[in-house]
N, C-alpha and C. Protein backbone atom coordinates (compact mmCIF):
# COMPACT_ATOMS: atom_id res chain seq x y z
N MET A 1 54.81 46.67 -36.42
CA MET A 1 54.89 48.10 -36.37
C MET A 1 53.70 48.75 -35.67
N LYS A 2 52.63 48.05 -35.80
CA LYS A 2 51.45 48.62 -35.21
C LYS A 2 51.58 48.71 -33.70
N VAL A 3 52.21 47.77 -33.08
CA VAL A 3 52.39 47.75 -31.64
C VAL A 3 53.28 48.90 -31.21
N ILE A 4 54.28 49.20 -31.95
CA ILE A 4 55.19 50.30 -31.62
C ILE A 4 54.45 51.62 -31.71
N LYS A 5 53.61 51.80 -32.71
CA LYS A 5 52.86 53.06 -32.87
C LYS A 5 51.94 53.31 -31.68
N GLU A 6 51.26 52.24 -31.25
CA GLU A 6 50.36 52.43 -30.13
C GLU A 6 51.15 52.82 -28.89
N SER A 7 52.23 52.29 -28.76
CA SER A 7 53.05 52.58 -27.61
C SER A 7 53.54 54.01 -27.63
N SER A 8 53.94 54.52 -28.78
CA SER A 8 54.37 55.92 -28.85
C SER A 8 53.18 56.84 -28.62
N GLU A 9 52.00 56.46 -29.06
CA GLU A 9 50.80 57.28 -28.80
C GLU A 9 50.47 57.24 -27.31
N LYS A 10 50.67 56.08 -26.73
CA LYS A 10 50.43 55.96 -25.30
C LYS A 10 51.43 56.83 -24.55
N GLN A 11 52.66 56.80 -24.99
CA GLN A 11 53.68 57.62 -24.33
C GLN A 11 53.32 59.10 -24.44
N GLU A 12 52.88 59.48 -25.63
CA GLU A 12 52.49 60.89 -25.82
C GLU A 12 51.29 61.23 -24.94
N SER A 13 50.36 60.32 -24.84
CA SER A 13 49.20 60.61 -24.01
C SER A 13 49.59 60.65 -22.53
N TYR A 14 50.52 59.78 -22.11
CA TYR A 14 51.00 59.82 -20.73
C TYR A 14 51.75 61.12 -20.47
N ILE A 15 52.58 61.49 -21.42
CA ILE A 15 53.32 62.75 -21.27
C ILE A 15 52.34 63.92 -21.22
N PHE A 16 51.36 63.90 -22.11
CA PHE A 16 50.36 64.97 -22.13
C PHE A 16 49.58 64.98 -20.81
N PHE A 17 49.21 63.82 -20.33
CA PHE A 17 48.49 63.72 -19.06
C PHE A 17 49.36 64.21 -17.92
N GLY A 18 50.61 63.83 -17.90
CA GLY A 18 51.53 64.27 -16.86
C GLY A 18 51.73 65.78 -16.88
N VAL A 19 51.92 66.33 -18.10
CA VAL A 19 52.07 67.78 -18.22
C VAL A 19 50.78 68.47 -17.79
N SER A 20 49.65 67.90 -18.15
CA SER A 20 48.35 68.49 -17.76
C SER A 20 48.21 68.49 -16.24
N VAL A 21 48.55 67.37 -15.59
CA VAL A 21 48.47 67.29 -14.14
C VAL A 21 49.42 68.29 -13.50
N LEU A 22 50.62 68.40 -14.05
CA LEU A 22 51.60 69.35 -13.54
C LEU A 22 51.09 70.78 -13.67
N VAL A 23 50.50 71.12 -14.82
CA VAL A 23 49.94 72.47 -15.04
C VAL A 23 48.80 72.72 -14.06
N VAL A 24 47.94 71.72 -13.86
CA VAL A 24 46.83 71.86 -12.92
C VAL A 24 47.36 72.08 -11.50
N ILE A 25 48.36 71.32 -11.10
CA ILE A 25 48.95 71.48 -9.76
C ILE A 25 49.56 72.87 -9.62
N ILE A 26 50.29 73.30 -10.63
CA ILE A 26 50.88 74.64 -10.59
C ILE A 26 49.79 75.70 -10.51
N LEU A 27 48.73 75.54 -11.30
CA LEU A 27 47.61 76.50 -11.24
C LEU A 27 46.96 76.51 -9.85
N ILE A 28 46.76 75.31 -9.29
CA ILE A 28 46.13 75.23 -7.97
C ILE A 28 47.02 75.91 -6.93
N VAL A 29 48.31 75.61 -6.95
CA VAL A 29 49.22 76.15 -5.94
C VAL A 29 49.44 77.64 -6.12
N PHE A 30 49.65 78.08 -7.35
CA PHE A 30 50.05 79.47 -7.56
C PHE A 30 48.92 80.41 -7.99
N ALA A 31 47.79 79.89 -8.39
CA ALA A 31 46.72 80.78 -8.86
C ALA A 31 45.43 80.60 -8.08
N ILE A 32 44.95 79.41 -7.99
CA ILE A 32 43.63 79.19 -7.39
C ILE A 32 43.69 79.31 -5.86
N ARG A 33 44.69 78.70 -5.21
CA ARG A 33 44.79 78.75 -3.76
C ARG A 33 44.91 80.19 -3.26
N PRO A 34 45.81 81.02 -3.78
CA PRO A 34 45.86 82.41 -3.31
C PRO A 34 44.55 83.16 -3.56
N THR A 35 43.91 82.84 -4.66
CA THR A 35 42.63 83.50 -4.97
C THR A 35 41.59 83.11 -3.92
N ILE A 36 41.52 81.82 -3.59
CA ILE A 36 40.56 81.37 -2.58
C ILE A 36 40.90 81.98 -1.22
N THR A 37 42.18 82.02 -0.87
CA THR A 37 42.61 82.64 0.38
C THR A 37 42.21 84.11 0.42
N THR A 38 42.44 84.82 -0.68
CA THR A 38 42.08 86.23 -0.76
C THR A 38 40.57 86.41 -0.64
N ILE A 39 39.80 85.56 -1.30
CA ILE A 39 38.33 85.64 -1.23
C ILE A 39 37.86 85.39 0.20
N THR A 40 38.46 84.39 0.86
CA THR A 40 38.09 84.10 2.25
C THR A 40 38.41 85.29 3.16
N ARG A 41 39.59 85.88 2.99
CA ARG A 41 39.99 87.04 3.79
C ARG A 41 39.04 88.21 3.54
N ILE A 42 38.70 88.44 2.29
CA ILE A 42 37.79 89.54 1.95
C ILE A 42 36.41 89.30 2.56
N ASN A 43 35.94 88.05 2.55
CA ASN A 43 34.64 87.73 3.16
C ASN A 43 34.67 88.00 4.66
N LYS A 44 35.79 87.63 5.32
CA LYS A 44 35.91 87.91 6.76
C LYS A 44 35.91 89.41 7.02
N GLU A 45 36.63 90.17 6.20
CA GLU A 45 36.66 91.62 6.36
C GLU A 45 35.28 92.23 6.14
N ILE A 46 34.56 91.71 5.16
CA ILE A 46 33.20 92.21 4.89
C ILE A 46 32.30 91.95 6.10
N LYS A 47 32.38 90.73 6.65
CA LYS A 47 31.56 90.41 7.83
C LYS A 47 31.93 91.30 9.01
N GLU A 48 33.24 91.54 9.22
CA GLU A 48 33.69 92.41 10.31
C GLU A 48 33.20 93.84 10.10
N LYS A 49 33.28 94.32 8.86
CA LYS A 49 32.81 95.68 8.57
C LYS A 49 31.30 95.78 8.73
N GLU A 50 30.57 94.73 8.39
CA GLU A 50 29.12 94.74 8.59
C GLU A 50 28.80 94.78 10.08
N ARG A 51 29.57 94.02 10.89
CA ARG A 51 29.36 94.02 12.34
C ARG A 51 29.65 95.40 12.92
N VAL A 52 30.75 96.02 12.49
CA VAL A 52 31.10 97.37 12.96
C VAL A 52 30.04 98.37 12.50
N ASN A 53 29.56 98.21 11.28
CA ASN A 53 28.53 99.10 10.74
C ASN A 53 27.25 99.00 11.57
N ILE A 54 26.87 97.79 11.95
CA ILE A 54 25.67 97.61 12.79
C ILE A 54 25.88 98.27 14.15
N GLN A 55 27.07 98.10 14.74
CA GLN A 55 27.36 98.74 16.02
C GLN A 55 27.29 100.26 15.90
N LEU A 56 27.86 100.81 14.83
CA LEU A 56 27.81 102.26 14.61
C LEU A 56 26.38 102.74 14.44
N GLU A 57 25.59 101.99 13.69
CA GLU A 57 24.18 102.37 13.50
C GLU A 57 23.44 102.35 14.84
N ASN A 58 23.73 101.34 15.68
CA ASN A 58 23.10 101.28 17.01
C ASN A 58 23.53 102.47 17.87
N LYS A 59 24.80 102.83 17.81
CA LYS A 59 25.28 103.98 18.58
C LYS A 59 24.65 105.28 18.08
N ILE A 60 24.53 105.41 16.78
CA ILE A 60 23.90 106.62 16.21
C ILE A 60 22.45 106.69 16.65
N THR A 61 21.75 105.56 16.61
CA THR A 61 20.36 105.53 17.05
C THR A 61 20.25 105.92 18.51
N THR A 62 21.14 105.38 19.34
CA THR A 62 21.14 105.70 20.76
C THR A 62 21.42 107.18 20.98
N LEU A 63 22.40 107.72 20.27
CA LEU A 63 22.71 109.15 20.40
C LEU A 63 21.54 110.02 19.95
N ASN A 64 20.85 109.62 18.88
CA ASN A 64 19.67 110.37 18.44
C ASN A 64 18.57 110.34 19.49
N GLU A 65 18.38 109.18 20.11
CA GLU A 65 17.37 109.07 21.18
C GLU A 65 17.76 109.95 22.37
N LEU A 66 19.03 109.90 22.73
CA LEU A 66 19.49 110.74 23.85
C LEU A 66 19.36 112.23 23.52
N ASP A 67 19.62 112.58 22.27
CA ASP A 67 19.47 113.97 21.85
C ASP A 67 18.01 114.41 21.96
N LYS A 68 17.09 113.51 21.58
CA LYS A 68 15.67 113.82 21.71
C LYS A 68 15.27 114.01 23.17
N GLN A 69 15.86 113.21 24.06
CA GLN A 69 15.56 113.34 25.48
C GLN A 69 16.23 114.58 26.07
N TYR A 70 17.39 114.94 25.54
CA TYR A 70 18.15 116.07 26.07
C TYR A 70 17.52 117.41 25.67
N ALA A 71 17.00 117.49 24.45
CA ALA A 71 16.50 118.76 23.91
C ALA A 71 15.50 119.46 24.84
N PRO A 72 14.46 118.79 25.35
CA PRO A 72 13.52 119.50 26.21
C PRO A 72 14.13 119.93 27.56
N ASN A 73 15.20 119.28 27.98
CA ASN A 73 15.80 119.58 29.28
C ASN A 73 17.10 120.35 29.18
N LYS A 74 17.40 120.88 28.01
CA LYS A 74 18.68 121.53 27.76
C LYS A 74 18.95 122.65 28.76
N GLU A 75 17.96 123.47 29.04
CA GLU A 75 18.16 124.59 29.97
C GLU A 75 18.50 124.09 31.37
N ALA A 76 17.84 123.01 31.78
CA ALA A 76 18.13 122.46 33.11
C ALA A 76 19.56 121.94 33.18
N PHE A 77 20.01 121.31 32.08
CA PHE A 77 21.38 120.79 32.07
C PHE A 77 22.40 121.92 32.01
N ASP A 78 22.04 123.01 31.37
CA ASP A 78 22.96 124.15 31.35
C ASP A 78 23.19 124.70 32.75
N ASP A 79 22.18 124.58 33.60
CA ASP A 79 22.30 125.06 34.98
C ASP A 79 23.18 124.16 35.83
N LEU A 80 23.41 122.93 35.38
CA LEU A 80 24.26 122.01 36.14
C LEU A 80 25.64 122.60 36.40
N GLU A 81 26.16 123.33 35.41
CA GLU A 81 27.49 123.92 35.57
C GLU A 81 27.50 124.93 36.71
N MET A 82 26.36 125.56 36.95
CA MET A 82 26.28 126.50 38.07
C MET A 82 26.16 125.75 39.39
N ILE A 83 25.44 124.60 39.36
CA ILE A 83 25.23 123.84 40.59
C ILE A 83 26.49 123.09 40.99
N PHE A 84 27.09 122.39 40.01
CA PHE A 84 28.32 121.65 40.26
C PHE A 84 29.41 122.26 39.40
N PRO A 85 30.11 123.26 39.91
CA PRO A 85 31.05 124.01 39.08
C PRO A 85 32.25 123.17 38.63
N PRO A 86 32.74 123.46 37.43
CA PRO A 86 33.95 122.77 36.98
C PRO A 86 35.17 123.36 37.68
N GLY A 87 36.12 122.53 38.00
CA GLY A 87 37.31 123.02 38.69
C GLY A 87 36.97 123.46 40.09
N ASP A 88 37.65 124.46 40.56
CA ASP A 88 37.45 124.96 41.93
C ASP A 88 36.75 126.32 41.94
N ASN A 89 35.80 126.54 41.05
CA ASN A 89 35.11 127.81 40.95
C ASN A 89 33.85 127.77 41.81
N PHE A 90 33.97 128.25 43.05
CA PHE A 90 32.85 128.23 43.99
C PHE A 90 32.29 129.63 44.22
N SER A 91 32.43 130.51 43.26
CA SER A 91 32.00 131.90 43.45
C SER A 91 30.49 132.01 43.68
N LEU A 92 29.69 131.24 42.96
CA LEU A 92 28.23 131.30 43.14
C LEU A 92 27.85 130.81 44.54
N LEU A 93 28.49 129.75 44.97
CA LEU A 93 28.22 129.22 46.31
C LEU A 93 28.58 130.25 47.38
N LEU A 94 29.75 130.88 47.23
CA LEU A 94 30.16 131.89 48.20
C LEU A 94 29.19 133.07 48.23
N ALA A 95 28.74 133.48 47.07
CA ALA A 95 27.78 134.59 47.00
C ALA A 95 26.49 134.20 47.72
N ASN A 96 26.03 132.96 47.50
CA ASN A 96 24.80 132.50 48.16
C ASN A 96 24.98 132.39 49.67
N ILE A 97 26.14 131.89 50.11
CA ILE A 97 26.38 131.76 51.55
C ILE A 97 26.43 133.14 52.20
N GLU A 98 27.07 134.07 51.54
CA GLU A 98 27.14 135.43 52.09
C GLU A 98 25.74 136.04 52.17
N LEU A 99 24.93 135.82 51.14
CA LEU A 99 23.55 136.34 51.13
C LEU A 99 22.73 135.71 52.25
N ILE A 100 22.81 134.41 52.41
CA ILE A 100 22.06 133.71 53.46
C ILE A 100 22.52 134.17 54.84
N THR A 101 23.82 134.33 55.00
CA THR A 101 24.37 134.77 56.28
C THR A 101 23.84 136.16 56.64
N THR A 102 23.88 137.06 55.68
CA THR A 102 23.41 138.43 55.92
C THR A 102 21.90 138.45 56.16
N ARG A 103 21.14 137.69 55.38
CA ARG A 103 19.68 137.67 55.51
C ARG A 103 19.24 137.17 56.88
N ASN A 104 20.04 136.29 57.48
CA ASN A 104 19.69 135.77 58.80
C ASN A 104 20.30 136.57 59.94
N GLY A 105 20.87 137.72 59.62
CA GLY A 105 21.41 138.61 60.65
C GLY A 105 22.76 138.16 61.20
N HIS A 106 23.49 137.38 60.43
CA HIS A 106 24.81 136.91 60.86
C HIS A 106 25.88 137.63 60.08
N LYS A 107 27.09 137.59 60.64
CA LYS A 107 28.25 138.18 59.95
C LYS A 107 29.25 137.08 59.67
N LEU A 108 29.65 136.97 58.43
CA LEU A 108 30.62 135.96 58.01
C LEU A 108 32.01 136.38 58.47
N SER A 109 32.73 135.48 59.16
CA SER A 109 34.07 135.80 59.66
C SER A 109 35.16 135.24 58.76
N SER A 110 35.05 133.96 58.42
CA SER A 110 36.08 133.33 57.59
C SER A 110 35.48 132.18 56.79
N VAL A 111 36.15 131.88 55.68
CA VAL A 111 35.71 130.79 54.80
C VAL A 111 36.95 130.04 54.34
N SER A 112 36.86 128.71 54.32
CA SER A 112 37.98 127.93 53.79
C SER A 112 37.45 126.73 53.01
N PHE A 113 38.15 126.38 51.94
CA PHE A 113 37.82 125.23 51.11
C PHE A 113 38.95 124.22 51.23
N ASN A 114 38.59 122.95 51.16
CA ASN A 114 39.61 121.91 51.23
C ASN A 114 39.08 120.64 50.56
N THR A 115 39.97 119.76 50.16
CA THR A 115 39.52 118.48 49.63
C THR A 115 38.84 117.72 50.75
N TYR A 116 37.89 116.92 50.38
CA TYR A 116 37.09 116.21 51.38
C TYR A 116 37.88 115.07 51.99
N LYS A 117 37.94 115.04 53.31
CA LYS A 117 38.66 113.97 54.01
C LYS A 117 37.72 113.26 54.96
N GLY A 118 36.46 113.14 54.57
CA GLY A 118 35.45 112.54 55.45
C GLY A 118 35.74 111.09 55.78
N LYS A 119 35.46 110.73 57.01
CA LYS A 119 35.71 109.36 57.45
C LYS A 119 34.47 108.49 57.21
N ASP A 120 33.31 109.07 57.31
CA ASP A 120 32.08 108.27 57.24
C ASP A 120 31.45 108.25 55.86
N TYR A 121 31.99 108.97 54.95
CA TYR A 121 31.40 109.06 53.61
C TYR A 121 32.38 108.51 52.61
N ASN A 122 31.98 107.44 51.92
CA ASN A 122 32.93 106.75 51.07
C ASN A 122 32.32 106.33 49.74
N ILE A 123 31.64 107.23 49.04
CA ILE A 123 31.00 106.91 47.77
C ILE A 123 31.87 107.43 46.64
N THR A 124 32.10 106.59 45.63
CA THR A 124 32.90 106.99 44.49
C THR A 124 31.97 107.41 43.36
N THR A 125 32.22 108.58 42.80
CA THR A 125 31.43 109.06 41.67
C THR A 125 32.34 109.26 40.48
N LYS A 126 31.74 109.21 39.29
CA LYS A 126 32.54 109.33 38.07
C LYS A 126 32.95 110.77 37.79
N ALA A 127 32.06 111.72 38.01
CA ALA A 127 32.35 113.10 37.62
C ALA A 127 32.45 114.04 38.81
N LEU A 128 31.67 113.80 39.84
CA LEU A 128 31.63 114.72 40.98
C LEU A 128 32.70 114.37 42.00
N VAL A 129 33.33 115.41 42.53
CA VAL A 129 34.37 115.25 43.54
C VAL A 129 33.94 116.02 44.79
N PRO A 130 33.92 115.36 45.96
CA PRO A 130 33.50 116.07 47.17
C PRO A 130 34.58 117.05 47.65
N TYR A 131 34.11 118.15 48.16
CA TYR A 131 34.97 119.18 48.74
C TYR A 131 34.38 119.56 50.09
N THR A 132 35.17 120.17 50.92
CA THR A 132 34.68 120.66 52.20
C THR A 132 34.81 122.17 52.22
N ILE A 133 33.75 122.82 52.63
CA ILE A 133 33.81 124.26 52.87
C ILE A 133 33.51 124.45 54.36
N THR A 134 34.36 125.17 55.01
CA THR A 134 34.17 125.48 56.43
C THR A 134 34.16 126.99 56.57
N PHE A 135 33.15 127.49 57.28
CA PHE A 135 33.12 128.93 57.49
C PHE A 135 32.66 129.24 58.92
N SER A 136 33.13 130.37 59.37
CA SER A 136 32.77 130.84 60.71
C SER A 136 31.97 132.12 60.57
N ALA A 137 31.04 132.30 61.50
CA ALA A 137 30.21 133.51 61.48
C ALA A 137 29.79 133.83 62.91
N ARG A 138 29.19 134.99 63.05
CA ARG A 138 28.63 135.42 64.33
C ARG A 138 27.19 135.82 64.08
N GLY A 139 26.34 135.49 65.03
CA GLY A 139 24.94 135.87 64.89
C GLY A 139 24.13 135.46 66.10
N ARG A 140 22.87 135.82 66.06
CA ARG A 140 21.97 135.50 67.16
C ARG A 140 21.58 134.02 67.09
N GLU A 141 21.48 133.44 68.26
CA GLU A 141 21.20 132.00 68.37
C GLU A 141 19.84 131.63 67.78
N GLU A 142 18.86 132.49 67.90
CA GLU A 142 17.51 132.15 67.44
C GLU A 142 17.41 132.06 65.91
N ASN A 143 18.38 132.62 65.17
CA ASN A 143 18.33 132.57 63.71
C ASN A 143 19.12 131.39 63.12
N ILE A 144 19.73 130.61 63.96
CA ILE A 144 20.63 129.56 63.46
C ILE A 144 19.87 128.46 62.72
N LEU A 145 18.73 128.02 63.21
CA LEU A 145 17.99 126.94 62.54
C LEU A 145 17.53 127.35 61.14
N SER A 146 17.00 128.55 61.01
CA SER A 146 16.59 128.99 59.67
C SER A 146 17.81 129.15 58.75
N PHE A 147 18.92 129.57 59.34
CA PHE A 147 20.17 129.69 58.59
C PHE A 147 20.60 128.32 58.04
N LEU A 148 20.60 127.30 58.89
CA LEU A 148 21.00 125.95 58.47
C LEU A 148 20.04 125.39 57.41
N LYS A 149 18.76 125.66 57.58
CA LYS A 149 17.76 125.19 56.60
C LYS A 149 18.02 125.83 55.24
N GLU A 150 18.32 127.11 55.23
CA GLU A 150 18.61 127.79 53.96
C GLU A 150 19.88 127.26 53.32
N LEU A 151 20.87 126.91 54.14
CA LEU A 151 22.10 126.33 53.60
C LEU A 151 21.82 125.02 52.88
N GLU A 152 20.99 124.17 53.48
CA GLU A 152 20.68 122.89 52.87
C GLU A 152 19.84 123.05 51.60
N ASP A 153 19.15 124.16 51.47
CA ASP A 153 18.32 124.40 50.28
C ASP A 153 19.08 125.02 49.12
N LEU A 154 20.38 125.25 49.30
CA LEU A 154 21.17 125.82 48.21
C LEU A 154 21.14 124.90 46.99
N PRO A 155 21.26 125.47 45.78
CA PRO A 155 21.18 124.64 44.58
C PRO A 155 22.35 123.66 44.41
N MET A 156 23.40 123.83 45.18
CA MET A 156 24.56 122.94 45.05
C MET A 156 24.40 121.68 45.90
N TYR A 157 23.29 121.58 46.60
CA TYR A 157 22.98 120.44 47.46
C TYR A 157 24.08 120.14 48.48
N PRO A 158 24.45 121.14 49.28
CA PRO A 158 25.47 120.87 50.29
C PRO A 158 24.90 120.00 51.41
N VAL A 159 25.78 119.26 52.04
CA VAL A 159 25.41 118.43 53.18
C VAL A 159 26.14 119.00 54.39
N ILE A 160 25.38 119.28 55.43
CA ILE A 160 26.01 119.82 56.64
C ILE A 160 26.71 118.67 57.34
N GLU A 161 28.02 118.76 57.39
CA GLU A 161 28.84 117.72 58.02
C GLU A 161 28.96 117.96 59.53
N SER A 162 29.17 119.22 59.89
CA SER A 162 29.28 119.52 61.33
C SER A 162 28.85 120.96 61.57
N PHE A 163 28.41 121.19 62.78
CA PHE A 163 28.00 122.53 63.20
C PHE A 163 28.42 122.67 64.66
N SER A 164 29.08 123.75 64.96
CA SER A 164 29.44 124.01 66.35
C SER A 164 29.28 125.49 66.64
N TYR A 165 28.90 125.80 67.85
CA TYR A 165 28.80 127.21 68.22
C TYR A 165 29.21 127.40 69.66
N SER A 166 29.61 128.60 69.92
CA SER A 166 30.10 128.96 71.24
C SER A 166 28.92 129.37 72.12
N THR A 167 28.94 128.91 73.35
CA THR A 167 27.87 129.31 74.27
C THR A 167 28.13 130.68 74.88
N GLU A 168 29.33 131.19 74.66
CA GLU A 168 29.65 132.54 75.15
C GLU A 168 28.96 133.57 74.27
N THR A 169 28.13 134.37 74.88
CA THR A 169 27.44 135.41 74.14
C THR A 169 28.22 136.72 74.28
N ALA A 170 28.43 137.35 73.14
CA ALA A 170 29.17 138.63 73.14
C ALA A 170 28.27 139.74 73.67
N ASP A 171 28.86 140.92 73.83
CA ASP A 171 28.11 142.07 74.36
C ASP A 171 26.94 142.43 73.45
N ASP A 172 27.06 142.19 72.14
CA ASP A 172 25.98 142.54 71.22
C ASP A 172 24.93 141.43 71.10
N GLY A 173 25.02 140.36 71.93
CA GLY A 173 24.02 139.28 71.94
C GLY A 173 24.24 138.23 70.87
N THR A 174 25.42 138.19 70.29
CA THR A 174 25.69 137.20 69.24
C THR A 174 26.61 136.11 69.76
N ASN A 175 26.52 134.98 69.08
CA ASN A 175 27.40 133.84 69.38
C ASN A 175 28.20 133.51 68.12
N ALA A 176 29.39 132.95 68.32
CA ALA A 176 30.22 132.51 67.19
C ALA A 176 29.84 131.07 66.87
N PHE A 177 29.81 130.75 65.59
CA PHE A 177 29.54 129.37 65.20
C PHE A 177 30.33 129.03 63.94
N THR A 178 30.54 127.74 63.77
CA THR A 178 31.29 127.23 62.63
C THR A 178 30.47 126.14 61.95
N VAL A 179 30.41 126.20 60.64
CA VAL A 179 29.67 125.21 59.85
C VAL A 179 30.63 124.57 58.87
N SER A 180 30.54 123.24 58.77
CA SER A 180 31.34 122.52 57.78
C SER A 180 30.37 121.82 56.83
N LEU A 181 30.51 122.11 55.53
CA LEU A 181 29.62 121.54 54.51
C LEU A 181 30.40 120.64 53.56
N ARG A 182 29.74 119.57 53.12
CA ARG A 182 30.30 118.76 52.04
C ARG A 182 29.61 119.21 50.77
N ILE A 183 30.40 119.64 49.79
CA ILE A 183 29.86 120.10 48.52
C ILE A 183 30.53 119.30 47.41
N TYR A 184 30.05 119.46 46.21
CA TYR A 184 30.60 118.72 45.08
C TYR A 184 30.96 119.67 43.95
N HIS A 185 31.97 119.30 43.23
CA HIS A 185 32.30 120.03 42.01
C HIS A 185 32.78 119.00 40.98
N VAL A 186 32.84 119.43 39.74
CA VAL A 186 33.31 118.57 38.66
C VAL A 186 34.80 118.83 38.50
N ASP A 187 35.59 117.79 38.72
CA ASP A 187 37.04 117.95 38.69
C ASP A 187 37.55 118.18 37.27
N ASN A 188 36.93 117.53 36.29
CA ASN A 188 37.35 117.64 34.88
C ASN A 188 36.64 118.84 34.26
N VAL A 189 37.37 119.89 33.97
CA VAL A 189 36.76 121.12 33.44
C VAL A 189 36.11 120.88 32.08
N ASN A 190 36.55 119.90 31.32
CA ASN A 190 35.97 119.63 29.99
C ASN A 190 34.77 118.71 30.06
N PHE A 191 34.32 118.35 31.25
CA PHE A 191 33.20 117.43 31.41
C PHE A 191 31.93 117.96 30.73
N TYR A 192 31.70 119.27 30.82
CA TYR A 192 30.47 119.83 30.28
C TYR A 192 30.54 120.08 28.78
N LYS A 193 31.69 119.93 28.17
CA LYS A 193 31.82 120.25 26.76
C LYS A 193 31.55 119.04 25.90
């Protein structure tokens, strides 16, 4: 009888061991593995958020530095909108050209604006767009050089693309001439905002 008892105890212990292994496997598959997967995913998200946080802190630091550099020059940057107007607003330039023309004893005949179609100038800029202004005037030949110099000194930094004048002198001693300037403006009106 003793042999039979040991065997039933062994069977019970095997059954208990088998049930224990089964419970452990079920726990591993259904409880521990998803928990480990979730912990791993959360750790990856934490690392990603830390990386994004560092990038944001670097950007904030850079913006603060730029703000410190911008503050002393704010007035100069505010004038940029006058120098390089947003859209097609060239009223300040026209007023300056008319003033320069009159100051040099010339009379403005016509003015035209057009998109720049230059053959020799091929620089791409992010914000500035080249335009062409062509105007005709009449005046004395001796004032033309000072007139051209004043045009180049305008705050919009125009570039004289071409200049032509008629050798025919009118009865009042004036000659007709045409000036073509390359100027720039900001195409995106929200650029300054």
